Amino acid sequence: MNNLILFLNSFLSYLLLFVIMVALVVIACVIGVKLRKSKDARLLEEELLEKEETAES
């Protein structure tokens, strides 16, 4: 019985660590996607402004 309790304790500790690591990876991916979309939108806006400037000239 003692071995089973030790095994479950160890298993749950590693399971908790795994869940925390997965959550961090998901959060990092969400932040990365948001930053990339923001950068792409900013670059597109700059590109459109440059085209307008050259069209006016």
PDB file of N, CA and C in Angstrom:
ATOM      1  N   MET A   1       0.824  -1.196   0.000  1.00  0.00           N
ATOM      2  CA  MET A   1       0.000   0.000   0.000  1.00  0.00           C
ATOM      3  C   MET A   1       0.864   1.254   0.000  1.00  0.00           C
ATOM      4  N   ASN A   2       1.966   1.186   0.723  1.00  0.00           N
ATOM      5  CA  ASN A   2       2.859   2.339   0.804  1.00  0.00           C
ATOM      6  C   ASN A   2       3.459   2.660  -0.565  1.00  0.00           C
ATOM      7  N   ASN A   3       3.800   1.597  -1.317  1.00  0.00           N
ATOM      8  CA  ASN A   3       4.363   1.821  -2.656  1.00  0.00           C
ATOM      9  C   ASN A   3       3.347   2.477  -3.586  1.00  0.00           C
ATOM     10  N   LEU A   4       2.092   2.104  -3.462  1.00  0.00           N
ATOM     11  CA  LEU A   4       1.052   2.691  -4.295  1.00  0.00           C
ATOM     12  C   LEU A   4       0.885   4.175  -3.987  1.00  0.00           C
ATOM     13  N   ILE A   5       0.914   4.538  -2.749  1.00  0.00           N
ATOM     14  CA  ILE A   5       0.786   5.943  -2.359  1.00  0.00           C
ATOM     15  C   ILE A   5       1.977   6.737  -2.880  1.00  0.00           C
ATOM     16  N   LEU A   6       3.174   6.180  -2.768  1.00  0.00           N
ATOM     17  CA  LEU A   6       4.356   6.864  -3.286  1.00  0.00           C
ATOM     18  C   LEU A   6       4.285   7.024  -4.795  1.00  0.00           C
ATOM     19  N   PHE A   7       3.808   5.976  -5.473  1.00  0.00           N
ATOM     20  CA  PHE A   7       3.676   6.046  -6.933  1.00  0.00           C
ATOM     21  C   PHE A   7       2.670   7.110  -7.333  1.00  0.00           C
ATOM     22  N   LEU A   8       1.505   7.127  -6.695  1.00  0.00           N
ATOM     23  CA  LEU A   8       0.484   8.123  -7.019  1.00  0.00           C
ATOM     24  C   LEU A   8       0.970   9.538  -6.730  1.00  0.00           C
ATOM     25  N   ASN A   9       1.695   9.713  -5.646  1.00  0.00           N
ATOM     26  CA  ASN A   9       2.232  11.020  -5.310  1.00  0.00           C
ATOM     27  C   ASN A   9       3.197  11.487  -6.394  1.00  0.00           C
ATOM     28  N   SER A  10       4.082  10.617  -6.809  1.00  0.00           N
ATOM     29  CA  SER A  10       5.039  10.951  -7.860  1.00  0.00           C
ATOM     30  C   SER A  10       4.325  11.202  -9.184  1.00  0.00           C
ATOM     31  N   PHE A  11       3.365  10.360  -9.522  1.00  0.00           N
ATOM     32  CA  PHE A  11       2.620  10.500 -10.763  1.00  0.00           C
ATOM     33  C   PHE A  11       1.867  11.827 -10.809  1.00  0.00           C
ATOM     34  N   LEU A  12       1.194  12.175  -9.722  1.00  0.00           N
ATOM     35  CA  LEU A  12       0.441  13.425  -9.688  1.00  0.00           C
ATOM     36  C   LEU A  12       1.359  14.642  -9.738  1.00  0.00           C
ATOM     37  N   SER A  13       2.533  14.525  -9.147  1.00  0.00           N
ATOM     38  CA  SER A  13       3.492  15.631  -9.216  1.00  0.00           C
ATOM     39  C   SER A  13       3.934  15.871 -10.652  1.00  0.00           C
ATOM     40  N   TYR A  14       4.266  14.806 -11.354  1.00  0.00           N
ATOM     41  CA  TYR A  14       4.676  14.954 -12.750  1.00  0.00           C
ATOM     42  C   TYR A  14       3.505  15.379 -13.634  1.00  0.00           C
ATOM     43  N   LEU A  15       2.315  14.922 -13.324  1.00  0.00           N
ATOM     44  CA  LEU A  15       1.137  15.326 -14.084  1.00  0.00           C
ATOM     45  C   LEU A  15       0.887  16.825 -13.915  1.00  0.00           C
ATOM     46  N   LEU A  16       1.011  17.325 -12.700  1.00  0.00           N
ATOM     47  CA  LEU A  16       0.840  18.750 -12.449  1.00  0.00           C
ATOM     48  C   LEU A  16       1.907  19.557 -13.185  1.00  0.00           C
ATOM     49  N   LEU A  17       3.137  19.102 -13.155  1.00  0.00           N
ATOM     50  CA  LEU A  17       4.221  19.768 -13.872  1.00  0.00           C
ATOM     51  C   LEU A  17       3.946  19.791 -15.374  1.00  0.00           C
ATOM     52  N   PHE A  18       3.456  18.678 -15.909  1.00  0.00           N
ATOM     53  CA  PHE A  18       3.132  18.595 -17.327  1.00  0.00           C
ATOM     54  C   PHE A  18       2.015  19.575 -17.697  1.00  0.00           C
ATOM     55  N   VAL A  19       0.986  19.642 -16.875  1.00  0.00           N
ATOM     56  CA  VAL A  19      -0.132  20.552 -17.138  1.00  0.00           C
ATOM     57  C   VAL A  19       0.339  22.003 -17.119  1.00  0.00           C
ATOM     58  N   ILE A  20       1.199  22.345 -16.184  1.00  0.00           N
ATOM     59  CA  ILE A  20       1.726  23.707 -16.108  1.00  0.00           C
ATOM     60  C   ILE A  20       2.547  24.025 -17.353  1.00  0.00           C
ATOM     61  N   MET A  21       3.372  23.091 -17.797  1.00  0.00           N
ATOM     62  CA  MET A  21       4.194  23.321 -18.983  1.00  0.00           C
ATOM     63  C   MET A  21       3.328  23.472 -20.236  1.00  0.00           C
ATOM     64  N   VAL A  22       2.299  22.672 -20.365  1.00  0.00           N
ATOM     65  CA  VAL A  22       1.399  22.777 -21.512  1.00  0.00           C
ATOM     66  C   VAL A  22       0.693  24.128 -21.490  1.00  0.00           C
ATOM     67  N   ALA A  23       0.266  24.573 -20.312  1.00  0.00           N
ATOM     68  CA  ALA A  23      -0.398  25.873 -20.206  1.00  0.00           C
ATOM     69  C   ALA A  23       0.550  26.996 -20.624  1.00  0.00           C
ATOM     70  N   LEU A  24       1.810  26.923 -20.227  1.00  0.00           N
ATOM     71  CA  LEU A  24       2.780  27.941 -20.617  1.00  0.00           C
ATOM     72  C   LEU A  24       3.011  27.951 -22.123  1.00  0.00           C
ATOM     73  N   VAL A  25       3.057  26.791 -22.729  1.00  0.00           N
ATOM     74  CA  VAL A  25       3.240  26.703 -24.177  1.00  0.00           C
ATOM     75  C   VAL A  25       2.035  27.312 -24.900  1.00  0.00           C
ATOM     76  N   VAL A  26       0.842  27.019 -24.430  1.00  0.00           N
ATOM     77  CA  VAL A  26      -0.365  27.566 -25.052  1.00  0.00           C
ATOM     78  C   VAL A  26      -0.380  29.088 -24.926  1.00  0.00           C
ATOM     79  N   ILE A  27      -0.051  29.595 -23.749  1.00  0.00           N
ATOM     80  CA  ILE A  27      -0.018  31.043 -23.532  1.00  0.00           C
ATOM     81  C   ILE A  27       1.023  31.688 -24.446  1.00  0.00           C
ATOM     82  N   ALA A  28       2.196  31.070 -24.561  1.00  0.00           N
ATOM     83  CA  ALA A  28       3.242  31.616 -25.430  1.00  0.00           C
ATOM     84  C   ALA A  28       2.792  31.636 -26.889  1.00  0.00           C
ATOM     85  N   CYS A  29       2.105  30.600 -27.334  1.00  0.00           N
ATOM     86  CA  CYS A  29       1.620  30.559 -28.711  1.00  0.00           C
ATOM     87  C   CYS A  29       0.570  31.637 -28.963  1.00  0.00           C
ATOM     88  N   VAL A  30      -0.334  31.826 -28.022  1.00  0.00           N
ATOM     89  CA  VAL A  30      -1.372  32.856 -28.176  1.00  0.00           C
ATOM     90  C   VAL A  30      -0.734  34.237 -28.245  1.00  0.00           C
ATOM     91  N   ILE A  31       0.225  34.509 -27.375  1.00  0.00           N
ATOM     92  CA  ILE A  31       0.911  35.802 -27.395  1.00  0.00           C
ATOM     93  C   ILE A  31       1.666  35.983 -28.708  1.00  0.00           C
ATOM     94  N   GLY A  32       2.335  34.941 -29.172  1.00  0.00           N
ATOM     95  CA  GLY A  32       3.072  35.016 -30.433  1.00  0.00           C
ATOM     96  C   GLY A  32       2.166  35.298 -31.618  1.00  0.00           C
ATOM     97  N   VAL A  33       1.012  34.660 -31.665  1.00  0.00           N
ATOM     98  CA  VAL A  33       0.069  34.887 -32.765  1.00  0.00           C
ATOM     99  C   VAL A  33      -0.450  36.319 -32.725  1.00  0.00           C
ATOM    100  N   LYS A  34      -0.775  36.816 -31.546  1.00  0.00           N
ATOM    101  CA  LYS A  34      -1.267  38.193 -31.428  1.00  0.00           C
ATOM    102  C   LYS A  34      -0.208  39.196 -31.867  1.00  0.00           C
ATOM    103  N   LEU A  35       1.032  38.976 -31.447  1.00  0.00           N
ATOM    104  CA  LEU A  35       2.106  39.887 -31.845  1.00  0.00           C
ATOM    105  C   LEU A  35       2.339  39.842 -33.350  1.00  0.00           C
ATOM    106  N   ARG A  36       2.291  38.662 -33.933  1.00  0.00           N
ATOM    107  CA  ARG A  36       2.520  38.533 -35.372  1.00  0.00           C
ATOM    108  C   ARG A  36       1.405  39.210 -36.160  1.00  0.00           C
ATOM    109  N   LYS A  37       0.159  39.022 -35.734  1.00  0.00           N
ATOM    110  CA  LYS A  37      -0.958  39.674 -36.430  1.00  0.00           C
ATOM    111  C   LYS A  37      -0.837  41.181 -36.328  1.00  0.00           C
ATOM    112  N   SER A  38      -0.429  41.670 -35.178  1.00  0.00           N
ATOM    113  CA  SER A  38      -0.258  43.116 -34.991  1.00  0.00           C
ATOM    114  C   SER A  38       0.834  43.646 -35.913  1.00  0.00           C
ATOM    115  N   LYS A  39       1.943  42.922 -36.005  1.00  0.00           N
ATOM    116  CA  LYS A  39       3.046  43.350 -36.863  1.00  0.00           C
ATOM    117  C   LYS A  39       2.629  43.315 -38.328  1.00  0.00           C
ATOM    118  N   ASP A  40       1.921  42.270 -38.741  1.00  0.00           N
ATOM    119  CA  ASP A  40       1.472  42.177 -40.128  1.00  0.00           C
ATOM    120  C   ASP A  40       0.517  43.315 -40.469  1.00  0.00           C
ATOM    121  N   ALA A  41      -0.381  43.643 -39.552  1.00  0.00           N
ATOM    122  CA  ALA A  41      -1.316  44.748 -39.797  1.00  0.00           C
ATOM    123  C   ALA A  41      -0.568  46.071 -39.917  1.00  0.00           C
ATOM    124  N   ARG A  42       0.420  46.284 -39.070  1.00  0.00           N
ATOM    125  CA  ARG A  42       1.204  47.518 -39.118  1.00  0.00           C
ATOM    126  C   ARG A  42       1.987  47.613 -40.433  1.00  0.00           C
ATOM    127  N   LEU A  43       2.583  46.507 -40.862  1.00  0.00           N
ATOM    128  CA  LEU A  43       3.330  46.505 -42.126  1.00  0.00           C
ATOM    129  C   LEU A  43       2.407  46.742 -43.317  1.00  0.00           C
ATOM    130  N   LEU A  44       1.219  46.161 -43.288  1.00  0.00           N
ATOM    131  CA  LEU A  44       0.258  46.365 -44.373  1.00  0.00           C
ATOM    132  C   LEU A  44      -0.175  47.825 -44.431  1.00  0.00           C
ATOM    133  N   GLU A  45      -0.406  48.415 -43.277  1.00  0.00           N
ATOM    134  CA  GLU A  45      -0.797  49.823 -43.233  1.00  0.00           C
ATOM    135  C   GLU A  45       0.311  50.720 -43.794  1.00  0.00           C
ATOM    136  N   GLU A  46       1.552  50.437 -43.420  1.00  0.00           N
ATOM    137  CA  GLU A  46       2.680  51.215 -43.944  1.00  0.00           C
ATOM    138  C   GLU A  46       2.804  51.047 -45.456  1.00  0.00           C
ATOM    139  N   GLU A  47       2.588  49.830 -45.931  1.00  0.00           N
ATOM    140  CA  GLU A  47       2.677  49.573 -47.364  1.00  0.00           C
ATOM    141  C   GLU A  47       1.594  50.334 -48.120  1.00  0.00           C
ATOM    142  N   LEU A  48       0.379  50.374 -47.569  1.00  0.00           N
ATOM    143  CA  LEU A  48      -0.707  51.107 -48.215  1.00  0.00           C
ATOM    144  C   LEU A  48      -0.426  52.607 -48.235  1.00  0.00           C
ATOM    145  N   LEU A  49       0.158  53.112 -47.153  1.00  0.00           N
ATOM    146  CA  LEU A  49       0.501  54.536 -47.111  1.00  0.00           C
ATOM    147  C   LEU A  49       1.564  54.869 -48.159  1.00  0.00           C
ATOM    148  N   GLU A  50       2.536  54.000 -48.339  1.00  0.00           N
ATOM    149  CA  GLU A  50       3.578  54.220 -49.336  1.00  0.00           C
ATOM    150  C   GLU A  50       2.974  54.209 -50.754  1.00  0.00           C
ATOM    151  N   LYS A  51       2.024  53.312 -50.992  1.00  0.00           N
ATOM    152  CA  LYS A  51       1.391  53.260 -52.322  1.00  0.00           C
ATOM    153  C   LYS A  51       0.586  54.519 -52.572  1.00  0.00           C
ATOM    154  N   GLU A  52      -0.094  55.023 -51.548  1.00  0.00           N
ATOM    155  CA  GLU A  52      -0.860  56.261 -51.706  1.00  0.00           C
ATOM    156  C   GLU A  52       0.053  57.437 -52.000  1.00  0.00           C
ATOM    157  N   GLU A  53       1.191  57.479 -51.328  1.00  0.00           N
ATOM    158  CA  GLU A  53       2.140  58.573 -51.548  1.00  0.00           C
ATOM    159  C   GLU A  53       2.695  58.542 -52.963  1.00  0.00           C
ATOM    160  N   THR A  54       3.020  57.354 -53.456  1.00  0.00           N
ATOM    161  CA  THR A  54       3.574  57.266 -54.807  1.00  0.00           C
ATOM    162  C   THR A  54       2.483  57.539 -55.853  1.00  0.00           C
ATOM    163  N   ALA A  55       1.246  57.212 -55.557  1.00  0.00           N
ATOM    164  CA  ALA A  55       0.146  57.467 -56.493  1.00  0.00           C
ATOM    165  C   ALA A  55      -0.141  58.961 -56.595  1.00  0.00           C
ATOM    166  N   GLU A  56       0.039  59.692 -55.519  1.00  0.00           N
ATOM    167  CA  GLU A  56      -0.206  61.128 -55.504  1.00  0.00           C
ATOM    168  C   GLU A  56       0.870  61.885 -56.272  1.00  0.00           C
ATOM    169  N   SER A  57       2.059  61.331 -56.306  1.00  0.00           N
ATOM    170  CA  SER A  57       3.178  62.033 -56.970  1.00  0.00           C
ATOM    171  C   SER A  57       3.077  62.021 -58.468  1.00  0.00           C
TER     172      SER A  57
END
